[in-house]
């Protein structure tokens, strides 16, 4: 299990942000959370008894769910569907 490196964060900001250094945009935050969730899920597949990180995973999923709901209210259905498709997550 690793955290996101600086270069990974910069790439996500370039891809999902509106401008350089736009780490506060919901799309960027959702993308970063999605990557952390994928990394943590892979870790938990190998370490099935790691309950501490299992709880951390459920907290991250809840945060992403709230941000997705906020993004839906702010941007509308079209951008919401596009973001989900780009990230490869289900509704």
PDB file of N, CA and C in Angstrom:
ATOM      1  N   UNK A   1       0.850  -1.173   0.000  1.00  0.00           N
ATOM      2  CA  UNK A   1       0.000   0.000   0.000  1.00  0.00           C
ATOM      3  C   UNK A   1       0.892   1.231   0.000  1.00  0.00           C
ATOM      4  N   UNK A   2       0.677   2.084  -0.959  1.00  0.00           N
ATOM      5  CA  UNK A   2       1.470   3.302  -1.049  1.00  0.00           C
ATOM      6  C   UNK A   2       0.548   4.500  -1.171  1.00  0.00           C
ATOM      7  N   UNK A   3       1.092   5.643  -0.817  1.00  0.00           N
ATOM      8  CA  UNK A   3       0.346   6.873  -1.011  1.00  0.00           C
ATOM      9  C   UNK A   3       0.646   7.411  -2.407  1.00  0.00           C
ATOM     10  N   UNK A   4      -0.099   8.383  -2.808  1.00  0.00           N
ATOM     11  CA  UNK A   4       0.102   8.966  -4.135  1.00  0.00           C
ATOM     12  C   UNK A   4       1.383   9.797  -4.135  1.00  0.00           C
ATOM     13  N   UNK A   5       2.175   9.633  -5.158  1.00  0.00           N
ATOM     14  CA  UNK A   5       3.397  10.417  -5.268  1.00  0.00           C
ATOM     15  C   UNK A   5       3.060  11.795  -5.835  1.00  0.00           C
ATOM     16  N   UNK A   6       4.019  12.674  -5.750  1.00  0.00           N
ATOM     17  CA  UNK A   6       3.821  14.038  -6.238  1.00  0.00           C
ATOM     18  C   UNK A   6       3.542  14.049  -7.740  1.00  0.00           C
ATOM     19  N   UNK A   7       4.243  13.202  -8.475  1.00  0.00           N
ATOM     20  CA  UNK A   7       4.036  13.168  -9.928  1.00  0.00           C
ATOM     21  C   UNK A   7       2.652  12.633 -10.276  1.00  0.00           C
ATOM     22  N   UNK A   8       2.172  11.627  -9.527  1.00  0.00           N
ATOM     23  CA  UNK A   8       0.829  11.104  -9.774  1.00  0.00           C
ATOM     24  C   UNK A   8      -0.219  12.187  -9.529  1.00  0.00           C
ATOM     25  N   UNK A   9      -0.038  12.956  -8.446  1.00  0.00           N
ATOM     26  CA  UNK A   9      -0.983  14.028  -8.143  1.00  0.00           C
ATOM     27  C   UNK A   9      -0.972  15.088  -9.232  1.00  0.00           C
ATOM     28  N   UNK A  10       0.224  15.449  -9.699  1.00  0.00           N
ATOM     29  CA  UNK A  10       0.332  16.456 -10.754  1.00  0.00           C
ATOM     30  C   UNK A  10      -0.353  15.992 -12.037  1.00  0.00           C
ATOM     31  N   UNK A  11      -0.212  14.698 -12.366  1.00  0.00           N
ATOM     32  CA  UNK A  11      -0.859  14.153 -13.556  1.00  0.00           C
ATOM     33  C   UNK A  11      -2.380  14.216 -13.436  1.00  0.00           C
ATOM     34  N   UNK A  12      -2.891  13.903 -12.249  1.00  0.00           N
ATOM     35  CA  UNK A  12      -4.336  13.943 -12.038  1.00  0.00           C
ATOM     36  C   UNK A  12      -4.860  15.366 -12.122  1.00  0.00           C
ATOM     37  N   UNK A  13      -4.086  16.323 -11.603  1.00  0.00           N
ATOM     38  CA  UNK A  13      -4.503  17.721 -11.675  1.00  0.00           C
ATOM     39  C   UNK A  13      -4.540  18.172 -13.130  1.00  0.00           C
ATOM     40  N   UNK A  14      -3.550  17.751 -13.928  1.00  0.00           N
ATOM     41  CA  UNK A  14      -3.536  18.113 -15.346  1.00  0.00           C
ATOM     42  C   UNK A  14      -4.732  17.502 -16.083  1.00  0.00           C
ATOM     43  N   UNK A  15      -5.048  16.266 -15.742  1.00  0.00           N
ATOM     44  CA  UNK A  15      -6.109  15.558 -16.454  1.00  0.00           C
ATOM     45  C   UNK A  15      -7.506  16.013 -16.038  1.00  0.00           C
ATOM     46  N   UNK A  16      -7.726  16.211 -14.737  1.00  0.00           N
ATOM     47  CA  UNK A  16      -9.074  16.486 -14.251  1.00  0.00           C
ATOM     48  C   UNK A  16      -9.295  17.927 -13.799  1.00  0.00           C
ATOM     49  N   UNK A  17      -8.218  18.676 -13.561  1.00  0.00           N
ATOM     50  CA  UNK A  17      -8.349  20.039 -13.069  1.00  0.00           C
ATOM     51  C   UNK A  17      -8.695  21.026 -14.159  1.00  0.00           C
ATOM     52  N   UNK A  18      -9.167  22.166 -13.729  1.00  0.00           N
ATOM     53  CA  UNK A  18      -9.518  23.216 -14.680  1.00  0.00           C
ATOM     54  C   UNK A  18      -8.313  24.069 -15.033  1.00  0.00           C
ATOM     55  N   UNK A  19      -7.352  24.160 -14.111  1.00  0.00           N
ATOM     56  CA  UNK A  19      -6.120  24.919 -14.340  1.00  0.00           C
ATOM     57  C   UNK A  19      -5.000  24.266 -13.541  1.00  0.00           C
ATOM     58  N   UNK A  20      -3.789  24.716 -13.747  1.00  0.00           N
ATOM     59  CA  UNK A  20      -2.639  24.143 -13.043  1.00  0.00           C
ATOM     60  C   UNK A  20      -2.749  24.439 -11.541  1.00  0.00           C
ATOM     61  N   UNK A  21      -2.497  23.440 -10.730  1.00  0.00           N
ATOM     62  CA  UNK A  21      -2.549  23.605  -9.283  1.00  0.00           C
ATOM     63  C   UNK A  21      -3.944  23.581  -8.705  1.00  0.00           C
ATOM     64  N   UNK A  22      -4.915  23.131  -9.461  1.00  0.00           N
ATOM     65  CA  UNK A  22      -6.313  23.116  -9.034  1.00  0.00           C
ATOM     66  C   UNK A  22      -6.625  21.808  -8.301  1.00  0.00           C
ATOM     67  N   UNK A  23      -6.076  21.660  -7.118  1.00  0.00           N
ATOM     68  CA  UNK A  23      -6.279  20.422  -6.370  1.00  0.00           C
ATOM     69  C   UNK A  23      -7.595  20.412  -5.602  1.00  0.00           C
ATOM     70  N   UNK A  24      -8.263  21.548  -5.527  1.00  0.00           N
ATOM     71  CA  UNK A  24      -9.493  21.627  -4.759  1.00  0.00           C
ATOM     72  C   UNK A  24     -10.743  21.273  -5.539  1.00  0.00           C
ATOM     73  N   UNK A  25     -10.619  21.133  -6.849  1.00  0.00           N
ATOM     74  CA  UNK A  25     -11.790  20.810  -7.664  1.00  0.00           C
ATOM     75  C   UNK A  25     -12.312  19.422  -7.289  1.00  0.00           C
ATOM     76  N   UNK A  26     -13.625  19.256  -7.226  1.00  0.00           N
ATOM     77  CA  UNK A  26     -14.182  17.958  -6.847  1.00  0.00           C
ATOM     78  C   UNK A  26     -13.725  16.830  -7.763  1.00  0.00           C
ATOM     79  N   UNK A  27     -13.574  17.119  -9.047  1.00  0.00           N
ATOM     80  CA  UNK A  27     -13.155  16.086  -9.994  1.00  0.00           C
ATOM     81  C   UNK A  27     -11.760  15.569  -9.657  1.00  0.00           C
ATOM     82  N   UNK A  28     -10.862  16.477  -9.288  1.00  0.00           N
ATOM     83  CA  UNK A  28      -9.490  16.089  -8.931  1.00  0.00           C
ATOM     84  C   UNK A  28      -9.496  15.287  -7.635  1.00  0.00           C
ATOM     85  N   UNK A  29     -10.259  15.750  -6.657  1.00  0.00           N
ATOM     86  CA  UNK A  29     -10.328  15.040  -5.380  1.00  0.00           C
ATOM     87  C   UNK A  29     -10.901  13.639  -5.567  1.00  0.00           C
ATOM     88  N   UNK A  30     -11.926  13.522  -6.392  1.00  0.00           N
ATOM     89  CA  UNK A  30     -12.524  12.212  -6.646  1.00  0.00           C
ATOM     90  C   UNK A  30     -11.529  11.296  -7.337  1.00  0.00           C
ATOM     91  N   UNK A  31     -10.766  11.831  -8.289  1.00  0.00           N
ATOM     92  CA  UNK A  31      -9.764  11.030  -8.998  1.00  0.00           C
ATOM     93  C   UNK A  31      -8.688  10.531  -8.032  1.00  0.00           C
ATOM     94  N   UNK A  32      -8.237  11.402  -7.128  1.00  0.00           N
ATOM     95  CA  UNK A  32      -7.212  11.002  -6.159  1.00  0.00           C
ATOM     96  C   UNK A  32      -7.751   9.951  -5.195  1.00  0.00           C
ATOM     97  N   UNK A  33      -8.976  10.143  -4.736  1.00  0.00           N
ATOM     98  CA  UNK A  33      -9.576   9.150  -3.844  1.00  0.00           C
ATOM     99  C   UNK A  33      -9.753   7.815  -4.553  1.00  0.00           C
ATOM    100  N   UNK A  34     -10.138   7.856  -5.825  1.00  0.00           N
ATOM    101  CA  UNK A  34     -10.319   6.626  -6.588  1.00  0.00           C
ATOM    102  C   UNK A  34      -9.012   5.858  -6.696  1.00  0.00           C
ATOM    103  N   UNK A  35      -7.918   6.558  -6.942  1.00  0.00           N
ATOM    104  CA  UNK A  35      -6.619   5.889  -7.030  1.00  0.00           C
ATOM    105  C   UNK A  35      -6.222   5.282  -5.690  1.00  0.00           C
ATOM    106  N   UNK A  36      -6.451   6.018  -4.601  1.00  0.00           N
ATOM    107  CA  UNK A  36      -6.142   5.479  -3.267  1.00  0.00           C
ATOM    108  C   UNK A  36      -7.002   4.257  -2.955  1.00  0.00           C
ATOM    109  N   UNK A  37      -8.269   4.291  -3.370  1.00  0.00           N
ATOM    110  CA  UNK A  37      -9.170   3.163  -3.143  1.00  0.00           C
ATOM    111  C   UNK A  37      -8.683   1.939  -3.906  1.00  0.00           C
ATOM    112  N   UNK A  38      -8.241   2.128  -5.150  1.00  0.00           N
ATOM    113  CA  UNK A  38      -7.724   1.010  -5.942  1.00  0.00           C
ATOM    114  C   UNK A  38      -6.480   0.410  -5.293  1.00  0.00           C
ATOM    115  N   UNK A  39      -5.574   1.268  -4.836  1.00  0.00           N
ATOM    116  CA  UNK A  39      -4.351   0.781  -4.183  1.00  0.00           C
ATOM    117  C   UNK A  39      -4.679   0.014  -2.905  1.00  0.00           C
ATOM    118  N   UNK A  40      -5.592   0.560  -2.114  1.00  0.00           N
ATOM    119  CA  UNK A  40      -5.952  -0.075  -0.854  1.00  0.00           C
ATOM    120  C   UNK A  40      -6.689  -1.391  -1.085  1.00  0.00           C
ATOM    121  N   UNK A  41      -7.504  -1.454  -2.131  1.00  0.00           N
ATOM    122  CA  UNK A  41      -8.211  -2.695  -2.458  1.00  0.00           C
ATOM    123  C   UNK A  41      -7.226  -3.797  -2.839  1.00  0.00           C
ATOM    124  N   UNK A  42      -6.209  -3.425  -3.609  1.00  0.00           N
ATOM    125  CA  UNK A  42      -5.190  -4.410  -3.981  1.00  0.00           C
ATOM    126  C   UNK A  42      -4.441  -4.904  -2.745  1.00  0.00           C
ATOM    127  N   UNK A  43      -4.163  -4.004  -1.825  1.00  0.00           N
ATOM    128  CA  UNK A  43      -3.480  -4.382  -0.580  1.00  0.00           C
ATOM    129  C   UNK A  43      -4.340  -5.353   0.233  1.00  0.00           C
ATOM    130  N   UNK A  44      -5.641  -5.071   0.288  1.00  0.00           N
ATOM    131  CA  UNK A  44      -6.523  -5.905   1.099  1.00  0.00           C
ATOM    132  C   UNK A  44      -6.775  -7.278   0.475  1.00  0.00           C
ATOM    133  N   UNK A  45      -6.598  -7.398  -0.833  1.00  0.00           N
ATOM    134  CA  UNK A  45      -6.728  -8.713  -1.454  1.00  0.00           C
ATOM    135  C   UNK A  45      -5.617  -9.647  -0.990  1.00  0.00           C
ATOM    136  N   UNK A  46      -4.430  -9.085  -0.743  1.00  0.00           N
ATOM    137  CA  UNK A  46      -3.301  -9.893  -0.271  1.00  0.00           C
ATOM    138  C   UNK A  46      -3.310 -10.060   1.237  1.00  0.00           C
ATOM    139  N   UNK A  47      -3.829  -9.079   1.961  1.00  0.00           N
ATOM    140  CA  UNK A  47      -3.824  -9.090   3.425  1.00  0.00           C
ATOM    141  C   UNK A  47      -5.257  -9.081   3.935  1.00  0.00           C
ATOM    142  N   UNK A  48      -5.869 -10.240   3.923  1.00  0.00           N
ATOM    143  CA  UNK A  48      -7.294 -10.342   4.214  1.00  0.00           C
ATOM    144  C   UNK A  48      -7.655 -10.000   5.664  1.00  0.00           C
ATOM    145  N   UNK A  49      -6.718 -10.121   6.582  1.00  0.00           N
ATOM    146  CA  UNK A  49      -7.027  -9.879   7.988  1.00  0.00           C
ATOM    147  C   UNK A  49      -6.672  -8.468   8.455  1.00  0.00           C
ATOM    148  N   UNK A  50      -6.332  -7.604   7.540  1.00  0.00           N
ATOM    149  CA  UNK A  50      -5.949  -6.235   7.873  1.00  0.00           C
ATOM    150  C   UNK A  50      -7.213  -5.387   8.051  1.00  0.00           C
ATOM    151  N   UNK A  51      -7.813  -5.471   9.233  1.00  0.00           N
ATOM    152  CA  UNK A  51      -9.079  -4.801   9.475  1.00  0.00           C
ATOM    153  C   UNK A  51      -8.926  -3.290   9.613  1.00  0.00           C
ATOM    154  N   UNK A  52      -7.775  -2.829  10.054  1.00  0.00           N
ATOM    155  CA  UNK A  52      -7.557  -1.391  10.181  1.00  0.00           C
ATOM    156  C   UNK A  52      -7.662  -0.714   8.814  1.00  0.00           C
ATOM    157  N   UNK A  53      -6.991  -1.267   7.830  1.00  0.00           N
ATOM    158  CA  UNK A  53      -7.041  -0.685   6.490  1.00  0.00           C
ATOM    159  C   UNK A  53      -8.376  -0.948   5.811  1.00  0.00           C
ATOM    160  N   UNK A  54      -9.087  -1.993   6.210  1.00  0.00           N
ATOM    161  CA  UNK A  54     -10.420  -2.241   5.673  1.00  0.00           C
ATOM    162  C   UNK A  54     -11.362  -1.108   6.098  1.00  0.00           C
ATOM    163  N   UNK A  55     -11.215  -0.667   7.339  1.00  0.00           N
ATOM    164  CA  UNK A  55     -12.013   0.462   7.825  1.00  0.00           C
ATOM    165  C   UNK A  55     -11.626   1.735   7.080  1.00  0.00           C
ATOM    166  N   UNK A  56     -10.328   1.924   6.859  1.00  0.00           N
ATOM    167  CA  UNK A  56      -9.867   3.094   6.104  1.00  0.00           C
ATOM    168  C   UNK A  56     -10.453   3.099   4.695  1.00  0.00           C
ATOM    169  N   UNK A  57     -10.560   1.925   4.094  1.00  0.00           N
ATOM    170  CA  UNK A  57     -11.138   1.811   2.761  1.00  0.00           C
ATOM    171  C   UNK A  57     -12.599   2.247   2.768  1.00  0.00           C
ATOM    172  N   UNK A  58     -13.357   1.811   3.754  1.00  0.00           N
ATOM    173  CA  UNK A  58     -14.769   2.195   3.796  1.00  0.00           C
ATOM    174  C   UNK A  58     -14.924   3.698   4.042  1.00  0.00           C
ATOM    175  N   UNK A  59     -14.013   4.302   4.806  1.00  0.00           N
ATOM    176  CA  UNK A  59     -14.051   5.753   5.017  1.00  0.00           C
ATOM    177  C   UNK A  59     -13.771   6.487   3.709  1.00  0.00           C
ATOM    178  N   UNK A  60     -12.769   6.020   2.954  1.00  0.00           N
ATOM    179  CA  UNK A  60     -12.442   6.643   1.665  1.00  0.00           C
ATOM    180  C   UNK A  60     -13.600   6.521   0.678  1.00  0.00           C
ATOM    181  N   UNK A  61     -14.251   5.370   0.668  1.00  0.00           N
ATOM    182  CA  UNK A  61     -15.388   5.169  -0.236  1.00  0.00           C
ATOM    183  C   UNK A  61     -16.521   6.130   0.125  1.00  0.00           C
ATOM    184  N   UNK A  62     -16.746   6.344   1.423  1.00  0.00           N
ATOM    185  CA  UNK A  62     -17.769   7.288   1.864  1.00  0.00           C
ATOM    186  C   UNK A  62     -17.448   8.714   1.448  1.00  0.00           C
ATOM    187  N   UNK A  63     -16.178   9.097   1.575  1.00  0.00           N
ATOM    188  CA  UNK A  63     -15.770  10.442   1.159  1.00  0.00           C
ATOM    189  C   UNK A  63     -15.984  10.630  -0.343  1.00  0.00           C
ATOM    190  N   UNK A  64     -15.594   9.617  -1.109  1.00  0.00           N
ATOM    191  CA  UNK A  64     -15.757   9.709  -2.563  1.00  0.00           C
ATOM    192  C   UNK A  64     -17.239   9.789  -2.928  1.00  0.00           C
ATOM    193  N   UNK A  65     -18.063   9.041  -2.227  1.00  0.00           N
ATOM    194  CA  UNK A  65     -19.503   9.045  -2.493  1.00  0.00           C
ATOM    195  C   UNK A  65     -20.096  10.430  -2.229  1.00  0.00           C
ATOM    196  N   UNK A  66     -19.683  11.070  -1.139  1.00  0.00           N
ATOM    197  CA  UNK A  66     -20.175  12.411  -0.828  1.00  0.00           C
ATOM    198  C   UNK A  66     -19.700  13.428  -1.866  1.00  0.00           C
ATOM    199  N   UNK A  67     -18.433  13.311  -2.283  1.00  0.00           N
ATOM    200  CA  UNK A  67     -17.919  14.224  -3.304  1.00  0.00           C
ATOM    201  C   UNK A  67     -18.624  14.022  -4.648  1.00  0.00           C
ATOM    202  N   UNK A  68     -18.931  12.776  -4.984  1.00  0.00           N
ATOM    203  CA  UNK A  68     -19.663  12.507  -6.227  1.00  0.00           C
ATOM    204  C   UNK A  68     -21.060  13.123  -6.164  1.00  0.00           C
ATOM    205  N   UNK A  69     -21.711  13.022  -5.019  1.00  0.00           N
ATOM    206  CA  UNK A  69     -23.035  13.614  -4.855  1.00  0.00           C
ATOM    207  C   UNK A  69     -22.953  15.132  -4.994  1.00  0.00           C
ATOM    208  N   UNK A  70     -21.921  15.741  -4.403  1.00  0.00           N
ATOM    209  CA  UNK A  70     -21.710  17.178  -4.510  1.00  0.00           C
ATOM    210  C   UNK A  70     -21.448  17.573  -5.963  1.00  0.00           C
ATOM    211  N   UNK A  71     -20.629  16.790  -6.649  1.00  0.00           N
ATOM    212  CA  UNK A  71     -20.309  17.052  -8.048  1.00  0.00           C
ATOM    213  C   UNK A  71     -21.559  16.966  -8.913  1.00  0.00           C
ATOM    214  N   UNK A  72     -22.433  16.027  -8.602  1.00  0.00           N
ATOM    215  CA  UNK A  72     -23.679  15.876  -9.348  1.00  0.00           C
ATOM    216  C   UNK A  72     -24.557  17.112  -9.178  1.00  0.00           C
ATOM    217  N   UNK A  73     -24.657  17.609  -7.948  1.00  0.00           N
ATOM    218  CA  UNK A  73     -25.479  18.786  -7.695  1.00  0.00           C
ATOM    219  C   UNK A  73     -24.879  20.027  -8.347  1.00  0.00           C
ATOM    220  N   UNK A  74     -23.548  20.117  -8.337  1.00  0.00           N
ATOM    221  CA  UNK A  74     -22.884  21.305  -8.858  1.00  0.00           C
ATOM    222  C   UNK A  74     -22.828  21.325 -10.384  1.00  0.00           C
ATOM    223  N   UNK A  75     -22.494  20.200 -10.997  1.00  0.00           N
ATOM    224  CA  UNK A  75     -22.220  20.177 -12.432  1.00  0.00           C
ATOM    225  C   UNK A  75     -23.341  19.608 -13.286  1.00  0.00           C
ATOM    226  N   UNK A  76     -24.219  18.836 -12.714  1.00  0.00           N
ATOM    227  CA  UNK A  76     -25.296  18.257 -13.495  1.00  0.00           C
ATOM    228  C   UNK A  76     -25.001  16.819 -13.902  1.00  0.00           C
ATOM    229  N   UNK A  77     -25.999  16.181 -14.467  1.00  0.00           N
ATOM    230  CA  UNK A  77     -25.954  14.755 -14.773  1.00  0.00           C
ATOM    231  C   UNK A  77     -24.928  14.405 -15.846  1.00  0.00           C
ATOM    232  N   UNK A  78     -24.751  15.258 -16.834  1.00  0.00           N
ATOM    233  CA  UNK A  78     -23.875  14.941 -17.967  1.00  0.00           C
ATOM    234  C   UNK A  78     -22.420  14.851 -17.520  1.00  0.00           C
ATOM    235  N   UNK A  79     -21.942  15.877 -16.797  1.00  0.00           N
ATOM    236  CA  UNK A  79     -20.549  15.873 -16.338  1.00  0.00           C
ATOM    237  C   UNK A  79     -20.322  14.766 -15.313  1.00  0.00           C
ATOM    238  N   UNK A  80     -21.340  14.498 -14.490  1.00  0.00           N
ATOM    239  CA  UNK A  80     -21.250  13.428 -13.496  1.00  0.00           C
ATOM    240  C   UNK A  80     -21.041  12.078 -14.197  1.00  0.00           C
ATOM    241  N   UNK A  81     -21.838  11.810 -15.208  1.00  0.00           N
ATOM    242  CA  UNK A  81     -21.721  10.550 -15.949  1.00  0.00           C
ATOM    243  C   UNK A  81     -20.379  10.462 -16.668  1.00  0.00           C
ATOM    244  N   UNK A  82     -19.915  11.584 -17.206  1.00  0.00           N
ATOM    245  CA  UNK A  82     -18.628  11.611 -17.893  1.00  0.00           C
ATOM    246  C   UNK A  82     -17.478  11.319 -16.923  1.00  0.00           C
ATOM    247  N   UNK A  83     -17.548  11.903 -15.727  1.00  0.00           N
ATOM    248  CA  UNK A  83     -16.506  11.683 -14.717  1.00  0.00           C
ATOM    249  C   UNK A  83     -16.464  10.220 -14.287  1.00  0.00           C
ATOM    250  N   UNK A  84     -17.622   9.631 -14.053  1.00  0.00           N
ATOM    251  CA  UNK A  84     -17.683   8.226 -13.657  1.00  0.00           C
ATOM    252  C   UNK A  84     -17.112   7.331 -14.753  1.00  0.00           C
ATOM    253  N   UNK A  85     -17.430   7.656 -15.990  1.00  0.00           N
ATOM    254  CA  UNK A  85     -16.927   6.860 -17.117  1.00  0.00           C
ATOM    255  C   UNK A  85     -15.417   6.982 -17.241  1.00  0.00           C
ATOM    256  N   UNK A  86     -14.876   8.207 -17.092  1.00  0.00           N
ATOM    257  CA  UNK A  86     -13.431   8.419 -17.198  1.00  0.00           C
ATOM    258  C   UNK A  86     -12.659   7.703 -16.091  1.00  0.00           C
ATOM    259  N   UNK A  87     -13.251   7.638 -14.907  1.00  0.00           N
ATOM    260  CA  UNK A  87     -12.567   7.002 -13.779  1.00  0.00           C
ATOM    261  C   UNK A  87     -12.783   5.495 -13.750  1.00  0.00           C
ATOM    262  N   UNK A  88     -13.788   5.031 -14.459  1.00  0.00           N
ATOM    263  CA  UNK A  88     -14.059   3.602 -14.482  1.00  0.00           C
ATOM    264  C   UNK A  88     -14.672   3.081 -13.204  1.00  0.00           C
ATOM    265  N   UNK A  89     -15.549   3.891 -12.597  1.00  0.00           N
ATOM    266  CA  UNK A  89     -16.237   3.441 -11.388  1.00  0.00           C
ATOM    267  C   UNK A  89     -17.723   3.295 -11.694  1.00  0.00           C
ATOM    268  N   UNK A  90     -18.394   2.542 -10.867  1.00  0.00           N
ATOM    269  CA  UNK A  90     -19.816   2.318 -11.108  1.00  0.00           C
ATOM    270  C   UNK A  90     -20.628   3.310 -10.281  1.00  0.00           C
ATOM    271  N   UNK A  91     -21.882   3.448 -10.626  1.00  0.00           N
ATOM    272  CA  UNK A  91     -22.762   4.403  -9.935  1.00  0.00           C
ATOM    273  C   UNK A  91     -23.080   3.937  -8.549  1.00  0.00           C
TER     274      UNK A  91
END
